[in-house]
C-alpha atoms as a PDB file:
ATOM      1  CA  UNK A   1      27.903  -1.114 -31.735  1.00  0.00           C
ATOM      2  CA  UNK A   2      24.905   0.058 -30.587  1.00  0.00           C
ATOM      3  CA  UNK A   3      24.901   1.215 -26.964  1.00  0.00           C
ATOM      4  CA  UNK A   4      23.204  -1.314 -24.301  1.00  0.00           C
ATOM      5  CA  UNK A   5      19.706   0.127 -23.610  1.00  0.00           C
ATOM      6  CA  UNK A   6      19.606  -1.455 -19.951  1.00  0.00           C
ATOM      7  CA  UNK A   7      22.264   1.220 -19.407  1.00  0.00           C
ATOM      8  CA  UNK A   8      19.755   4.162 -20.926  1.00  0.00           C
ATOM      9  CA  UNK A   9      18.391   6.136 -18.014  1.00  0.00           C
ATOM     10  CA  UNK A  10      14.686   6.611 -18.219  1.00  0.00           C
ATOM     11  CA  UNK A  11      11.479   6.736 -16.717  1.00  0.00           C
ATOM     12  CA  UNK A  12       8.598   4.080 -16.539  1.00  0.00           C
ATOM     13  CA  UNK A  13       5.386   5.512 -16.359  1.00  0.00           C
ATOM     14  CA  UNK A  14       3.151   2.571 -17.174  1.00  0.00           C
ATOM     15  CA  UNK A  15       3.000  -0.774 -15.026  1.00  0.00           C
ATOM     16  CA  UNK A  16       0.356  -2.166 -13.647  1.00  0.00           C
ATOM     17  CA  UNK A  17       1.017  -3.946 -10.018  1.00  0.00           C
ATOM     18  CA  UNK A  18       0.142  -7.561 -10.258  1.00  0.00           C
ATOM     19  CA  UNK A  19       1.140  -7.320 -13.743  1.00  0.00           C
ATOM     20  CA  UNK A  20       4.514  -6.389 -12.586  1.00  0.00           C
ATOM     21  CA  UNK A  21       4.950  -9.882 -10.649  1.00  0.00           C
ATOM     22  CA  UNK A  22       7.936 -12.148 -11.409  1.00  0.00           C
ATOM     23  CA  UNK A  23       6.339 -15.642 -12.792  1.00  0.00           C
ATOM     24  CA  UNK A  24       8.477 -17.656 -10.370  1.00  0.00           C
ATOM     25  CA  UNK A  25       7.112 -15.458  -7.553  1.00  0.00           C
ATOM     26  CA  UNK A  26       3.422 -16.224  -9.041  1.00  0.00           C
ATOM     27  CA  UNK A  27       4.414 -19.891  -8.564  1.00  0.00           C
ATOM     28  CA  UNK A  28       5.786 -19.577  -5.258  1.00  0.00           C
ATOM     29  CA  UNK A  29       2.594 -17.802  -3.667  1.00  0.00           C
ATOM     30  CA  UNK A  30      -0.058 -20.083  -5.506  1.00  0.00           C
ATOM     31  CA  UNK A  31       1.817 -22.870  -3.776  1.00  0.00           C
ATOM     32  CA  UNK A  32       1.848 -21.069  -0.702  1.00  0.00           C
ATOM     33  CA  UNK A  33      -1.915 -20.587  -0.671  1.00  0.00           C
ATOM     34  CA  UNK A  34      -3.060 -23.358  -2.684  1.00  0.00           C
ATOM     35  CA  UNK A  35      -4.027 -21.720  -5.742  1.00  0.00           C
ATOM     36  CA  UNK A  36      -4.644 -23.566  -8.897  1.00  0.00           C
ATOM     37  CA  UNK A  37      -2.838 -21.647 -11.711  1.00  0.00           C
ATOM     38  CA  UNK A  38      -4.083 -22.657 -15.384  1.00  0.00           C
ATOM     39  CA  UNK A  39      -1.342 -23.808 -17.725  1.00  0.00           C
ATOM     40  CA  UNK A  40      -1.512 -20.149 -19.098  1.00  0.00           C
ATOM     41  CA  UNK A  41      -0.088 -18.793 -16.197  1.00  0.00           C
ATOM     42  CA  UNK A  42       2.089 -21.696 -15.117  1.00  0.00           C
ATOM     43  CA  UNK A  43       3.611 -22.945 -18.593  1.00  0.00           C
ATOM     44  CA  UNK A  44       6.572 -21.075 -18.143  1.00  0.00           C
ATOM     45  CA  UNK A  45       5.808 -18.888 -21.583  1.00  0.00           C
ATOM     46  CA  UNK A  46       3.926 -15.889 -21.851  1.00  0.00           C
ATOM     47  CA  UNK A  47       0.259 -16.987 -22.328  1.00  0.00           C
ATOM     48  CA  UNK A  48      -1.379 -16.379 -26.081  1.00  0.00           C
ATOM     49  CA  UNK A  49      -3.791 -13.878 -25.763  1.00  0.00           C
ATOM     50  CA  UNK A  50      -6.186 -11.685 -28.165  1.00  0.00           C
ATOM     51  CA  UNK A  51      -7.892  -9.252 -26.323  1.00  0.00           C
ATOM     52  CA  UNK A  52      -9.834  -7.335 -29.427  1.00  0.00           C
ATOM     53  CA  UNK A  53     -13.034  -9.078 -28.747  1.00  0.00           C
ATOM     54  CA  UNK A  54     -14.988  -9.640 -25.596  1.00  0.00           C
ATOM     55  CA  UNK A  55     -14.240 -13.258 -24.838  1.00  0.00           C
ATOM     56  CA  UNK A  56     -10.281 -12.536 -25.557  1.00  0.00           C
ATOM     57  CA  UNK A  57     -10.522  -9.611 -22.990  1.00  0.00           C
ATOM     58  CA  UNK A  58     -12.637 -11.687 -20.599  1.00  0.00           C
ATOM     59  CA  UNK A  59      -9.561 -14.438 -20.799  1.00  0.00           C
ATOM     60  CA  UNK A  60      -7.120 -11.691 -20.151  1.00  0.00           C
ATOM     61  CA  UNK A  61      -8.698  -9.986 -16.996  1.00  0.00           C
ATOM     62  CA  UNK A  62      -9.582 -13.426 -15.813  1.00  0.00           C
ATOM     63  CA  UNK A  63      -6.053 -14.322 -15.685  1.00  0.00           C
ATOM     64  CA  UNK A  64      -5.202 -11.120 -14.037  1.00  0.00           C
ATOM     65  CA  UNK A  65      -7.727 -11.897 -11.419  1.00  0.00           C
ATOM     66  CA  UNK A  66      -6.477 -15.370 -10.826  1.00  0.00           C
ATOM     67  CA  UNK A  67      -2.706 -13.865 -10.342  1.00  0.00           C
ATOM     68  CA  UNK A  68      -4.207 -11.357  -8.195  1.00  0.00           C
ATOM     69  CA  UNK A  69      -5.738 -13.787  -5.754  1.00  0.00           C
ATOM     70  CA  UNK A  70      -2.212 -14.997  -4.731  1.00  0.00           C
ATOM     71  CA  UNK A  71      -1.418 -11.608  -3.017  1.00  0.00           C
ATOM     72  CA  UNK A  72      -2.946 -12.365   0.137  1.00  0.00           C
ATOM     73  CA  UNK A  73      -0.709 -10.630   2.673  1.00  0.00           C
ATOM     74  CA  UNK A  74       1.469  -7.384   3.440  1.00  0.00           C
ATOM     75  CA  UNK A  75       4.797  -9.580   2.952  1.00  0.00           C
ATOM     76  CA  UNK A  76       3.368 -10.486  -0.362  1.00  0.00           C
ATOM     77  CA  UNK A  77       2.975  -7.289  -1.413  1.00  0.00           C
ATOM     78  CA  UNK A  78       6.204  -6.289  -0.133  1.00  0.00           C
ATOM     79  CA  UNK A  79       7.766  -8.751  -2.017  1.00  0.00           C
ATOM     80  CA  UNK A  80       6.112  -7.720  -5.253  1.00  0.00           C
ATOM     81  CA  UNK A  81       7.052  -3.911  -5.470  1.00  0.00           C
ATOM     82  CA  UNK A  82      10.874  -5.163  -4.415  1.00  0.00           C
ATOM     83  CA  UNK A  83      11.042  -7.351  -7.221  1.00  0.00           C
ATOM     84  CA  UNK A  84       9.608  -4.916  -9.584  1.00  0.00           C
ATOM     85  CA  UNK A  85      11.958  -2.206  -8.382  1.00  0.00           C
ATOM     86  CA  UNK A  86      14.688  -4.694  -8.897  1.00  0.00           C
ATOM     87  CA  UNK A  87      13.695  -5.380 -12.250  1.00  0.00           C
ATOM     88  CA  UNK A  88      13.226  -2.077 -13.266  1.00  0.00           C
ATOM     89  CA  UNK A  89      16.963  -1.108 -11.917  1.00  0.00           C
ATOM     90  CA  UNK A  90      18.353  -3.859 -13.894  1.00  0.00           C
ATOM     91  CA  UNK A  91      16.779  -2.148 -16.866  1.00  0.00           C
ATOM     92  CA  UNK A  92      17.770   1.422 -16.714  1.00  0.00           C
ATOM     93  CA  UNK A  93      14.700   2.801 -14.849  1.00  0.00           C
ATOM     94  CA  UNK A  94      15.299   5.665 -12.437  1.00  0.00           C
ATOM     95  CA  UNK A  95      11.915   6.400 -11.902  1.00  0.00           C
ATOM     96  CA  UNK A  96       8.783   4.130 -11.277  1.00  0.00           C
ATOM     97  CA  UNK A  97       5.431   5.198 -11.307  1.00  0.00           C
ATOM     98  CA  UNK A  98       3.257   1.845 -10.455  1.00  0.00           C
ATOM     99  CA  UNK A  99      -0.389   1.784 -10.985  1.00  0.00           C
ATOM    100  CA  UNK A 100      -2.850   0.032  -8.595  1.00  0.00           C
ATOM    101  CA  UNK A 101      -6.662  -0.148  -8.130  1.00  0.00           C
ATOM    102  CA  UNK A 102      -6.797  -0.617  -3.868  1.00  0.00           C
ATOM    103  CA  UNK A 103     -10.067  -1.743  -4.127  1.00  0.00           C
ATOM    104  CA  UNK A 104      -8.961  -5.424  -5.785  1.00  0.00           C
ATOM    105  CA  UNK A 105      -6.620  -5.577  -2.629  1.00  0.00           C
ATOM    106  CA  UNK A 106      -8.792  -4.144   0.164  1.00  0.00           C
ATOM    107  CA  UNK A 107     -11.072  -7.565   0.951  1.00  0.00           C
ATOM    108  CA  UNK A 108      -7.633  -9.433   1.980  1.00  0.00           C
ATOM    109  CA  UNK A 109      -5.881  -6.351   3.493  1.00  0.00           C
ATOM    110  CA  UNK A 110      -8.231  -5.352   5.993  1.00  0.00           C
ATOM    111  CA  UNK A 111     -10.317  -2.293   3.733  1.00  0.00           C
ATOM    112  CA  UNK A 112      -9.600   0.072   1.298  1.00  0.00           C
ATOM    113  CA  UNK A 113      -7.335   2.448   3.510  1.00  0.00           C
ATOM    114  CA  UNK A 114      -5.211  -0.179   4.973  1.00  0.00           C
ATOM    115  CA  UNK A 115      -4.430  -1.705   1.594  1.00  0.00           C
ATOM    116  CA  UNK A 116      -3.381   1.604  -0.222  1.00  0.00           C
ATOM    117  CA  UNK A 117      -1.238   2.154   3.048  1.00  0.00           C
ATOM    118  CA  UNK A 118       0.172  -1.157   2.925  1.00  0.00           C
ATOM    119  CA  UNK A 119       1.155  -0.426  -0.757  1.00  0.00           C
ATOM    120  CA  UNK A 120       2.639   3.047   0.066  1.00  0.00           C
ATOM    121  CA  UNK A 121       4.660   1.310   2.715  1.00  0.00           C
ATOM    122  CA  UNK A 122       5.824  -1.227   0.482  1.00  0.00           C
ATOM    123  CA  UNK A 123       6.954   1.552  -2.052  1.00  0.00           C
ATOM    124  CA  UNK A 124       8.643   3.423   0.529  1.00  0.00           C
ATOM    125  CA  UNK A 125      10.796   0.493   1.779  1.00  0.00           C
ATOM    126  CA  UNK A 126      11.499  -0.612  -1.932  1.00  0.00           C
ATOM    127  CA  UNK A 127      13.005   2.654  -3.101  1.00  0.00           C
ATOM    128  CA  UNK A 128      14.993   3.108   0.030  1.00  0.00           C
ATOM    129  CA  UNK A 129      16.204  -0.523  -0.597  1.00  0.00           C
ATOM    130  CA  UNK A 130      17.165  -0.317  -4.252  1.00  0.00           C
ATOM    131  CA  UNK A 131      17.367   3.712  -4.872  1.00  0.00           C
ATOM    132  CA  UNK A 132      14.750   3.544  -7.223  1.00  0.00           C
ATOM    133  CA  UNK A 133      12.404   6.660  -7.325  1.00  0.00           C
ATOM    134  CA  UNK A 134       9.036   5.097  -7.003  1.00  0.00           C
ATOM    135  CA  UNK A 135       5.285   6.515  -6.691  1.00  0.00           C
ATOM    136  CA  UNK A 136       1.995   5.610  -7.098  1.00  0.00           C
ATOM    137  CA  UNK A 137      -0.998   6.140  -9.434  1.00  0.00           C
ATOM    138  CA  UNK A 138      -4.167   4.944  -8.266  1.00  0.00           C
ATOM    139  CA  UNK A 139      -6.589   3.915 -10.930  1.00  0.00           C
ATOM    140  CA  UNK A 140     -10.237   3.314 -10.902  1.00  0.00           C
ATOM    141  CA  UNK A 141     -11.942   0.759 -12.978  1.00  0.00           C
ATOM    142  CA  UNK A 142     -13.936   1.956 -15.659  1.00  0.00           C
ATOM    143  CA  UNK A 143     -16.103  -1.260 -15.421  1.00  0.00           C
ATOM    144  CA  UNK A 144     -17.608  -0.053 -11.926  1.00  0.00           C
ATOM    145  CA  UNK A 145     -19.817   2.736 -11.288  1.00  0.00           C
ATOM    146  CA  UNK A 146     -18.429   6.191 -11.522  1.00  0.00           C
ATOM    147  CA  UNK A 147     -19.091   6.720  -7.553  1.00  0.00           C
ATOM    148  CA  UNK A 148     -16.493   4.405  -6.478  1.00  0.00           C
ATOM    149  CA  UNK A 149     -14.024   6.314  -8.992  1.00  0.00           C
ATOM    150  CA  UNK A 150     -14.620   9.537  -6.847  1.00  0.00           C
ATOM    151  CA  UNK A 151     -14.344   7.891  -3.762  1.00  0.00           C
ATOM    152  CA  UNK A 152     -10.786   6.779  -4.860  1.00  0.00           C
ATOM    153  CA  UNK A 153     -10.103  10.193  -6.377  1.00  0.00           C
ATOM    154  CA  UNK A 154     -10.585  11.265  -2.830  1.00  0.00           C
ATOM    155  CA  UNK A 155      -8.415   8.866  -1.505  1.00  0.00           C
ATOM    156  CA  UNK A 156      -5.382   9.337  -3.715  1.00  0.00           C
ATOM    157  CA  UNK A 157      -5.678  13.180  -3.172  1.00  0.00           C
ATOM    158  CA  UNK A 158      -5.551  12.311   0.793  1.00  0.00           C
ATOM    159  CA  UNK A 159      -2.413  10.256   0.017  1.00  0.00           C
ATOM    160  CA  UNK A 160      -0.545  12.932  -2.262  1.00  0.00           C
ATOM    161  CA  UNK A 161       1.687  13.449   0.327  1.00  0.00           C
ATOM    162  CA  UNK A 162       2.675   9.937   0.781  1.00  0.00           C
ATOM    163  CA  UNK A 163       3.625   9.059  -2.546  1.00  0.00           C
ATOM    164  CA  UNK A 164       0.092   9.246  -4.626  1.00  0.00           C
ATOM    165  CA  UNK A 165       1.118  11.311  -7.833  1.00  0.00           C
ATOM    166  CA  UNK A 166      -1.598  10.483 -10.100  1.00  0.00           C
ATOM    167  CA  UNK A 167      -4.966   9.212 -10.926  1.00  0.00           C
ATOM    168  CA  UNK A 168      -6.089   7.077 -13.963  1.00  0.00           C
ATOM    169  CA  UNK A 169      -8.992   4.710 -15.416  1.00  0.00           C
ATOM    170  CA  UNK A 170      -8.416   1.282 -16.222  1.00  0.00           C
ATOM    171  CA  UNK A 171     -10.005  -1.923 -18.226  1.00  0.00           C
ATOM    172  CA  UNK A 172     -11.808  -2.279 -21.117  1.00  0.00           C
ATOM    173  CA  UNK A 173     -12.236   1.286 -22.769  1.00  0.00           C
ATOM    174  CA  UNK A 174     -15.214   0.001 -24.758  1.00  0.00           C
ATOM    175  CA  UNK A 175     -17.280   0.008 -21.895  1.00  0.00           C
ATOM    176  CA  UNK A 176     -19.302   3.323 -20.829  1.00  0.00           C
ATOM    177  CA  UNK A 177     -18.099   6.589 -21.332  1.00  0.00           C
ATOM    178  CA  UNK A 178     -15.163   8.468 -20.275  1.00  0.00           C
ATOM    179  CA  UNK A 179     -17.532  11.455 -19.543  1.00  0.00           C
ATOM    180  CA  UNK A 180     -19.055   9.474 -16.540  1.00  0.00           C
ATOM    181  CA  UNK A 181     -15.705   9.979 -14.785  1.00  0.00           C
ATOM    182  CA  UNK A 182     -15.329  13.673 -15.182  1.00  0.00           C
ATOM    183  CA  UNK A 183     -16.135  14.591 -11.608  1.00  0.00           C
ATOM    184  CA  UNK A 184     -13.508  11.976 -10.341  1.00  0.00           C
ATOM    185  CA  UNK A 185     -10.974  13.232 -12.519  1.00  0.00           C
ATOM    186  CA  UNK A 186     -11.919  16.856 -11.373  1.00  0.00           C
ATOM    187  CA  UNK A 187     -11.302  15.825  -7.923  1.00  0.00           C
ATOM    188  CA  UNK A 188      -7.888  14.258  -8.660  1.00  0.00           C
ATOM    189  CA  UNK A 189      -6.868  17.489 -10.570  1.00  0.00           C
ATOM    190  CA  UNK A 190      -8.125  19.723  -7.980  1.00  0.00           C
ATOM    191  CA  UNK A 191      -6.106  17.865  -5.538  1.00  0.00           C
ATOM    192  CA  UNK A 192      -2.959  18.565  -7.394  1.00  0.00           C
ATOM    193  CA  UNK A 193      -2.696  14.628  -8.920  1.00  0.00           C
ATOM    194  CA  UNK A 194      -1.734  14.083 -12.419  1.00  0.00           C
ATOM    195  CA  UNK A 195      -4.497  12.682 -14.892  1.00  0.00           C
ATOM    196  CA  UNK A 196      -3.752   9.713 -16.503  1.00  0.00           C
ATOM    197  CA  UNK A 197      -6.605   7.697 -18.104  1.00  0.00           C
ATOM    198  CA  UNK A 198      -6.333   4.587 -20.617  1.00  0.00           C
ATOM    199  CA  UNK A 199      -7.576   5.455 -24.095  1.00  0.00           C
ATOM    200  CA  UNK A 200      -6.712   4.613 -27.626  1.00  0.00           C
ATOM    201  CA  UNK A 201      -5.809   0.861 -27.134  1.00  0.00           C
ATOM    202  CA  UNK A 202      -8.858  -1.298 -27.944  1.00  0.00           C
ATOM    203  CA  UNK A 203     -11.075   1.638 -29.279  1.00  0.00           C
ATOM    204  CA  UNK A 204      -9.805   3.742 -31.813  1.00  0.00           C
ATOM    205  CA  UNK A 205      -8.585   7.783 -31.886  1.00  0.00           C
ATOM    206  CA  UNK A 206     -11.995   8.901 -30.203  1.00  0.00           C
ATOM    207  CA  UNK A 207     -11.319   7.234 -26.837  1.00  0.00           C
ATOM    208  CA  UNK A 208      -8.022   9.145 -26.931  1.00  0.00           C
ATOM    209  CA  UNK A 209      -9.896  12.361 -27.826  1.00  0.00           C
ATOM    210  CA  UNK A 210     -12.388  11.627 -24.957  1.00  0.00           C
ATOM    211  CA  UNK A 211      -9.600  11.502 -22.348  1.00  0.00           C
ATOM    212  CA  UNK A 212      -8.519  15.051 -23.443  1.00  0.00           C
ATOM    213  CA  UNK A 213     -12.279  16.424 -23.599  1.00  0.00           C
ATOM    214  CA  UNK A 214     -13.892  14.735 -20.790  1.00  0.00           C
ATOM    215  CA  UNK A 215     -11.041  14.134 -18.296  1.00  0.00           C
ATOM    216  CA  UNK A 216      -8.403  16.733 -19.411  1.00  0.00           C
ATOM    217  CA  UNK A 217      -5.678  14.131 -19.513  1.00  0.00           C
ATOM    218  CA  UNK A 218      -1.676  15.050 -19.220  1.00  0.00           C
ATOM    219  CA  UNK A 219      -1.204  11.511 -20.082  1.00  0.00           C
ATOM    220  CA  UNK A 220      -2.852   8.879 -21.850  1.00  0.00           C
ATOM    221  CA  UNK A 221      -2.236   5.191 -21.145  1.00  0.00           C
ATOM    222  CA  UNK A 222      -1.628   3.684 -24.641  1.00  0.00           C
ATOM    223  CA  UNK A 223      -2.989   6.387 -26.834  1.00  0.00           C
ATOM    224  CA  UNK A 224      -1.270   4.328 -29.808  1.00  0.00           C
ATOM    225  CA  UNK A 225      -4.394   4.404 -31.645  1.00  0.00           C
ATOM    226  CA  UNK A 226      -4.477   8.298 -32.139  1.00  0.00           C
ATOM    227  CA  UNK A 227      -1.926   7.404 -35.191  1.00  0.00           C
ATOM    228  CA  UNK A 228      -5.082   6.820 -37.112  1.00  0.00           C
ATOM    229  CA  UNK A 229      -6.122  10.582 -37.145  1.00  0.00           C
ATOM    230  CA  UNK A 230      -3.484  13.295 -38.060  1.00  0.00           C
ATOM    231  CA  UNK A 231      -5.488  16.045 -36.408  1.00  0.00           C
ATOM    232  CA  UNK A 232      -5.412  14.235 -32.845  1.00  0.00           C
ATOM    233  CA  UNK A 233      -1.924  13.610 -33.585  1.00  0.00           C
ATOM    234  CA  UNK A 234      -1.234  17.289 -34.108  1.00  0.00           C
ATOM    235  CA  UNK A 235      -3.268  18.052 -30.969  1.00  0.00           C
ATOM    236  CA  UNK A 236      -1.368  15.624 -28.658  1.00  0.00           C
ATOM    237  CA  UNK A 237       1.794  17.126 -29.969  1.00  0.00           C
ATOM    238  CA  UNK A 238       0.968  20.687 -29.517  1.00  0.00           C
ATOM    239  CA  UNK A 239      -0.481  20.394 -25.945  1.00  0.00           C
ATOM    240  CA  UNK A 240       2.731  17.852 -24.857  1.00  0.00           C
ATOM    241  CA  UNK A 241       0.394  15.269 -23.967  1.00  0.00           C
ATOM    242  CA  UNK A 242       2.491  12.062 -23.059  1.00  0.00           C
ATOM    243  CA  UNK A 243       1.150   8.498 -24.637  1.00  0.00           C
ATOM    244  CA  UNK A 244       2.282   5.623 -22.481  1.00  0.00           C
ATOM    245  CA  UNK A 245       2.889   3.400 -25.278  1.00  0.00           C
ATOM    246  CA  UNK A 246       3.480  -0.464 -24.342  1.00  0.00           C
ATOM    247  CA  UNK A 247       4.222  -1.916 -27.762  1.00  0.00           C
ATOM    248  CA  UNK A 248       4.581  -5.642 -26.332  1.00  0.00           C
ATOM    249  CA  UNK A 249       1.271  -5.551 -24.713  1.00  0.00           C
ATOM    250  CA  UNK A 250      -0.118  -4.180 -28.011  1.00  0.00           C
ATOM    251  CA  UNK A 251       1.029  -7.185 -30.002  1.00  0.00           C
ATOM    252  CA  UNK A 252       0.274  -9.320 -27.174  1.00  0.00           C
ATOM    253  CA  UNK A 253      -3.592  -8.552 -27.182  1.00  0.00           C
ATOM    254  CA  UNK A 254      -4.107  -8.317 -30.546  1.00  0.00           C
ATOM    255  CA  UNK A 255      -4.250  -4.434 -31.048  1.00  0.00           C
ATOM    256  CA  UNK A 256      -1.447  -4.989 -33.962  1.00  0.00           C
ATOM    257  CA  UNK A 257      -0.498  -8.049 -35.656  1.00  0.00           C
ATOM    258  CA  UNK A 258       3.579  -7.758 -35.273  1.00  0.00           C
ATOM    259  CA  UNK A 259       6.054  -5.690 -33.580  1.00  0.00           C
ATOM    260  CA  UNK A 260       6.678  -3.498 -36.676  1.00  0.00           C
ATOM    261  CA  UNK A 261       2.781  -2.905 -37.066  1.00  0.00           C
ATOM    262  CA  UNK A 262       2.986  -0.600 -33.614  1.00  0.00           C
ATOM    263  CA  UNK A 263       3.164   3.015 -35.107  1.00  0.00           C
ATOM    264  CA  UNK A 264       5.803   4.174 -32.698  1.00  0.00           C
ATOM    265  CA  UNK A 265       7.356   5.890 -36.054  1.00  0.00           C
ATOM    266  CA  UNK A 266       4.223   7.733 -36.663  1.00  0.00           C
ATOM    267  CA  UNK A 267       3.684   8.961 -33.264  1.00  0.00           C
ATOM    268  CA  UNK A 268       7.413  10.124 -32.874  1.00  0.00           C
ATOM    269  CA  UNK A 269       7.816  11.869 -36.344  1.00  0.00           C
ATOM    270  CA  UNK A 270       4.419  13.901 -35.346  1.00  0.00           C
ATOM    271  CA  UNK A 271       6.027  15.063 -32.253  1.00  0.00           C
ATOM    272  CA  UNK A 272       3.570  13.176 -29.718  1.00  0.00           C
ATOM    273  CA  UNK A 273       5.627  12.851 -26.234  1.00  0.00           C
ATOM    274  CA  UNK A 274       5.913   8.947 -25.673  1.00  0.00           C
ATOM    275  CA  UNK A 275       6.621   7.261 -22.411  1.00  0.00           C
ATOM    276  CA  UNK A 276       7.425   3.303 -23.382  1.00  0.00           C
ATOM    277  CA  UNK A 277       6.165   1.008 -20.629  1.00  0.00           C
ATOM    278  CA  UNK A 278       6.013  -2.695 -20.048  1.00  0.00           C
ATOM    279  CA  UNK A 279       2.331  -2.737 -19.065  1.00  0.00           C
ATOM    280  CA  UNK A 280       1.935  -6.064 -17.322  1.00  0.00           C
ATOM    281  CA  UNK A 281       5.088  -8.129 -18.135  1.00  0.00           C
ATOM    282  CA  UNK A 282       3.792 -11.235 -16.221  1.00  0.00           C
ATOM    283  CA  UNK A 283       1.488 -11.644 -19.052  1.00  0.00           C
ATOM    284  CA  UNK A 284       3.360 -10.536 -21.889  1.00  0.00           C
ATOM    285  CA  UNK A 285       6.914 -11.709 -21.142  1.00  0.00           C
ATOM    286  CA  UNK A 286       8.843  -8.618 -21.549  1.00  0.00           C
ATOM    287  CA  UNK A 287       9.919  -5.511 -19.471  1.00  0.00           C
ATOM    288  CA  UNK A 288      11.025  -2.167 -20.200  1.00  0.00           C
ATOM    289  CA  UNK A 289      14.289  -2.265 -21.702  1.00  0.00           C
ATOM    290  CA  UNK A 290      13.148  -4.745 -24.242  1.00  0.00           C
ATOM    291  CA  UNK A 291      10.330  -1.924 -25.374  1.00  0.00           C
ATOM    292  CA  UNK A 292      13.567   0.359 -26.084  1.00  0.00           C
ATOM    293  CA  UNK A 293      15.093  -3.052 -28.060  1.00  0.00           C
ATOM    294  CA  UNK A 294      11.755  -3.655 -29.899  1.00  0.00           C
ATOM    295  CA  UNK A 295      11.827   0.194 -31.272  1.00  0.00           C
ATOM    296  CA  UNK A 296      15.514  -0.220 -32.477  1.00  0.00           C
ATOM    297  CA  UNK A 297      15.055  -3.396 -34.203  1.00  0.00           C
ATOM    298  CA  UNK A 298      11.867  -2.962 -35.888  1.00  0.00           C
ATOM    299  CA  UNK A 299      11.558   0.633 -36.120  1.00  0.00           C
ATOM    300  CA  UNK A 300      15.122   1.698 -36.965  1.00  0.00           C
ATOM    301  CA  UNK A 301      15.183   3.941 -33.943  1.00  0.00           C
ATOM    302  CA  UNK A 302      18.796   5.137 -33.782  1.00  0.00           C
ATOM    303  CA  UNK A 303      20.536   5.167 -30.166  1.00  0.00           C
ATOM    304  CA  UNK A 304      20.035   9.407 -30.627  1.00  0.00           C
ATOM    305  CA  UNK A 305      16.130   8.581 -30.989  1.00  0.00           C
ATOM    306  CA  UNK A 306      16.187   6.325 -28.240  1.00  0.00           C
ATOM    307  CA  UNK A 307      17.560   8.713 -26.001  1.00  0.00           C
ATOM    308  CA  UNK A 308      15.120  11.010 -26.927  1.00  0.00           C
ATOM    309  CA  UNK A 309      12.618   8.701 -26.022  1.00  0.00           C
ATOM    310  CA  UNK A 310      13.965   8.385 -22.678  1.00  0.00           C
ATOM    311  CA  UNK A 311      13.908  12.144 -21.875  1.00  0.00           C
ATOM    312  CA  UNK A 312      10.192  11.997 -23.108  1.00  0.00           C
ATOM    313  CA  UNK A 313       9.713   9.593 -20.433  1.00  0.00           C
ATOM    314  CA  UNK A 314      11.349  11.502 -17.897  1.00  0.00           C
ATOM    315  CA  UNK A 315       9.708  14.895 -19.097  1.00  0.00           C
ATOM    316  CA  UNK A 316       6.253  13.221 -18.721  1.00  0.00           C
ATOM    317  CA  UNK A 317       6.785  11.911 -15.301  1.00  0.00           C
ATOM    318  CA  UNK A 318       5.907  13.140 -12.096  1.00  0.00           C
ATOM    319  CA  UNK A 319       9.559  13.177 -10.815  1.00  0.00           C
ATOM    320  CA  UNK A 320      10.905  16.127  -8.931  1.00  0.00           C
ATOM    321  CA  UNK A 321      13.336  18.499 -10.935  1.00  0.00           C
ATOM    322  CA  UNK A 322      16.247  17.399  -9.198  1.00  0.00           C
ATOM    323  CA  UNK A 323      15.445  13.554 -10.431  1.00  0.00           C
ATOM    324  CA  UNK A 324      14.944  14.781 -13.759  1.00  0.00           C
ATOM    325  CA  UNK A 325      17.852  16.677 -13.998  1.00  0.00           C
ATOM    326  CA  UNK A 326      19.971  13.239 -12.794  1.00  0.00           C
ATOM    327  CA  UNK A 327      18.251  10.777 -15.709  1.00  0.00           C
ATOM    328  CA  UNK A 328      18.514  13.696 -18.020  1.00  0.00           C
ATOM    329  CA  UNK A 329      22.212  14.002 -17.706  1.00  0.00           C
ATOM    330  CA  UNK A 330      22.551  10.172 -17.773  1.00  0.00           C
ATOM    331  CA  UNK A 331      20.799  10.163 -20.911  1.00  0.00           C
ATOM    332  CA  UNK A 332      23.387  12.558 -22.309  1.00  0.00           C
ATOM    333  CA  UNK A 333      26.122  10.507 -20.446  1.00  0.00           C
ATOM    334  CA  UNK A 334      24.806   7.410 -22.330  1.00  0.00           C
ATOM    335  CA  UNK A 335      24.917   9.082 -25.721  1.00  0.00           C
ATOM    336  CA  UNK A 336      28.258  10.224 -25.066  1.00  0.00           C
ATOM    337  CA  UNK A 337      29.657   6.846 -23.982  1.00  0.00           C
ATOM    338  CA  UNK A 338      29.633   5.768 -27.323  1.00  0.00           C
END
């Protein structure tokens, strides 16, 4: 019998804030605030999405924005983070780095600094209550002006001692240039934060190269399209840059047609470190353990290979050394339990 992937210790490095919400929680908050949810968010099934064209991406963002509008008070933030932590613990996660753009929550939470402090306080409380190590990756929006990204980078560095460990860049990578945000990432790196921009999802391998060349990425959010360029794969492997691969998300957004089309095996065999992630479970319908199950069922990953994927997620994280040792020992124990 195959070992239970829910019991495999792992780190979760690609989870967006609002997208981590439970569907039932969204329904309750929408009712609380009188927000009308479209059928795509209230129907009980993940919405049908295809974001490989402008219209599809706009629809995806619109659904995300509607869900985010239901987070209005500090207690909503605390609930979201606590429930996200509970879901991760149930999936075997021992370390979570949750990604958030605090400017999206600032108007309802008293401003940019209060919003980030409320989020960080919620993370502290959830970590204490669940035993899960949780940190925050502050992400800028590439659809906004690069000066805003610099402001966020400075803010992220300011709160590095409160649980911010990285700086990211999200939204449609087909818009604008990574190099426009190079100064923001330099601020973050100089402040000791890990650089983890999105790339290689909606755009091809060139966007991954831009993350490496212009933003000096230590990790790449998604990065899966690097599989189309063998030289880029070798570069990622040689530099040990972890790709935060989200298989269910890739299929839901139309990047690949079927789970077996996601090039997990290509990246793995090329020696590219990967950290499987759930991205936005609210919209894509599956969480962390399901990504490991997908690798097993659709790509033939053995338990030994799944264990190596879990190790790669831990090594690519910002977890302190004692947490890393504990998780890596737990992975060995999972294999030995068979």
